[in-house]
């Protein structure tokens, strides 16, 4: 799933369910909206909110 959090027409959040079980495993965030990934989220419980970030 891709998301434009600030409405500028550019995707700045991406969520991945790599094994197809309906739970998110990883997400990528461009927090300053410059086109570069700043944070990687890990979803150990499968929900949209990451359990930890790198």
C-alpha atoms as a PDB file:
ATOM      1  CA  UNK A   1       0.000   0.000   0.000  1.00  0.00           C
ATOM      2  CA  UNK A   2       1.279   3.477  -0.839  1.00  0.00           C
ATOM      3  CA  UNK A   3       0.186   6.694   0.837  1.00  0.00           C
ATOM      4  CA  UNK A   4       0.643  10.427   0.227  1.00  0.00           C
ATOM      5  CA  UNK A   5       0.514  11.841   3.762  1.00  0.00           C
ATOM      6  CA  UNK A   6       0.857  15.531   2.873  1.00  0.00           C
ATOM      7  CA  UNK A   7      -1.223  15.707  -0.314  1.00  0.00           C
ATOM      8  CA  UNK A   8       1.581  16.834  -2.645  1.00  0.00           C
ATOM      9  CA  UNK A   9       0.921  14.028  -5.137  1.00  0.00           C
ATOM     10  CA  UNK A  10       4.073  12.095  -4.176  1.00  0.00           C
ATOM     11  CA  UNK A  11       4.062   8.839  -2.222  1.00  0.00           C
ATOM     12  CA  UNK A  12       5.840   9.219   1.119  1.00  0.00           C
ATOM     13  CA  UNK A  13       4.735   6.062   2.947  1.00  0.00           C
ATOM     14  CA  UNK A  14       4.832   2.496   1.628  1.00  0.00           C
ATOM     15  CA  UNK A  15       3.645  -0.598   3.484  1.00  0.00           C
ATOM     16  CA  UNK A  16       4.517  -4.162   2.494  1.00  0.00           C
ATOM     17  CA  UNK A  17       2.925  -7.538   3.186  1.00  0.00           C
ATOM     18  CA  UNK A  18       5.612  -9.710   1.608  1.00  0.00           C
ATOM     19  CA  UNK A  19       4.150 -13.097   2.512  1.00  0.00           C
ATOM     20  CA  UNK A  20       0.532 -12.268   1.596  1.00  0.00           C
ATOM     21  CA  UNK A  21      -0.953 -13.084   5.000  1.00  0.00           C
ATOM     22  CA  UNK A  22      -2.747  -9.733   5.319  1.00  0.00           C
ATOM     23  CA  UNK A  23      -0.317  -8.354   7.930  1.00  0.00           C
ATOM     24  CA  UNK A  24       2.288  -5.664   7.299  1.00  0.00           C
ATOM     25  CA  UNK A  25       5.921  -6.693   7.763  1.00  0.00           C
ATOM     26  CA  UNK A  26       7.796  -3.565   6.728  1.00  0.00           C
ATOM     27  CA  UNK A  27       7.167   0.055   5.851  1.00  0.00           C
ATOM     28  CA  UNK A  28       9.213   2.907   4.401  1.00  0.00           C
ATOM     29  CA  UNK A  29       8.799   6.589   5.218  1.00  0.00           C
ATOM     30  CA  UNK A  30       9.957   9.815   3.595  1.00  0.00           C
ATOM     31  CA  UNK A  31       9.363  12.023   6.643  1.00  0.00           C
ATOM     32  CA  UNK A  32      10.736  15.283   5.216  1.00  0.00           C
ATOM     33  CA  UNK A  33       9.100  14.803   1.783  1.00  0.00           C
ATOM     34  CA  UNK A  34      12.331  15.136  -0.218  1.00  0.00           C
ATOM     35  CA  UNK A  35      11.964  11.850  -2.133  1.00  0.00           C
ATOM     36  CA  UNK A  36      14.421   9.884   0.035  1.00  0.00           C
ATOM     37  CA  UNK A  37      13.450   7.145   2.510  1.00  0.00           C
ATOM     38  CA  UNK A  38      14.298   8.343   6.045  1.00  0.00           C
ATOM     39  CA  UNK A  39      12.822   5.569   8.204  1.00  0.00           C
ATOM     40  CA  UNK A  40      12.170   1.852   7.857  1.00  0.00           C
ATOM     41  CA  UNK A  41       9.396   0.475  10.041  1.00  0.00           C
ATOM     42  CA  UNK A  42       9.166  -3.113  11.250  1.00  0.00           C
ATOM     43  CA  UNK A  43       5.718  -4.491  12.094  1.00  0.00           C
ATOM     44  CA  UNK A  44       6.201  -7.484  14.407  1.00  0.00           C
ATOM     45  CA  UNK A  45       2.475  -7.536  15.255  1.00  0.00           C
ATOM     46  CA  UNK A  46       1.340  -6.993  11.643  1.00  0.00           C
ATOM     47  CA  UNK A  47      -0.570  -3.757  12.302  1.00  0.00           C
ATOM     48  CA  UNK A  48      -0.137  -0.508  10.357  1.00  0.00           C
ATOM     49  CA  UNK A  49       1.776   1.175  13.207  1.00  0.00           C
ATOM     50  CA  UNK A  50       5.382  -0.047  13.221  1.00  0.00           C
ATOM     51  CA  UNK A  51       6.704  -1.804  16.322  1.00  0.00           C
ATOM     52  CA  UNK A  52      10.190  -0.388  15.774  1.00  0.00           C
ATOM     53  CA  UNK A  53      12.055   1.874  13.353  1.00  0.00           C
ATOM     54  CA  UNK A  54      15.484   1.929  11.856  1.00  0.00           C
END
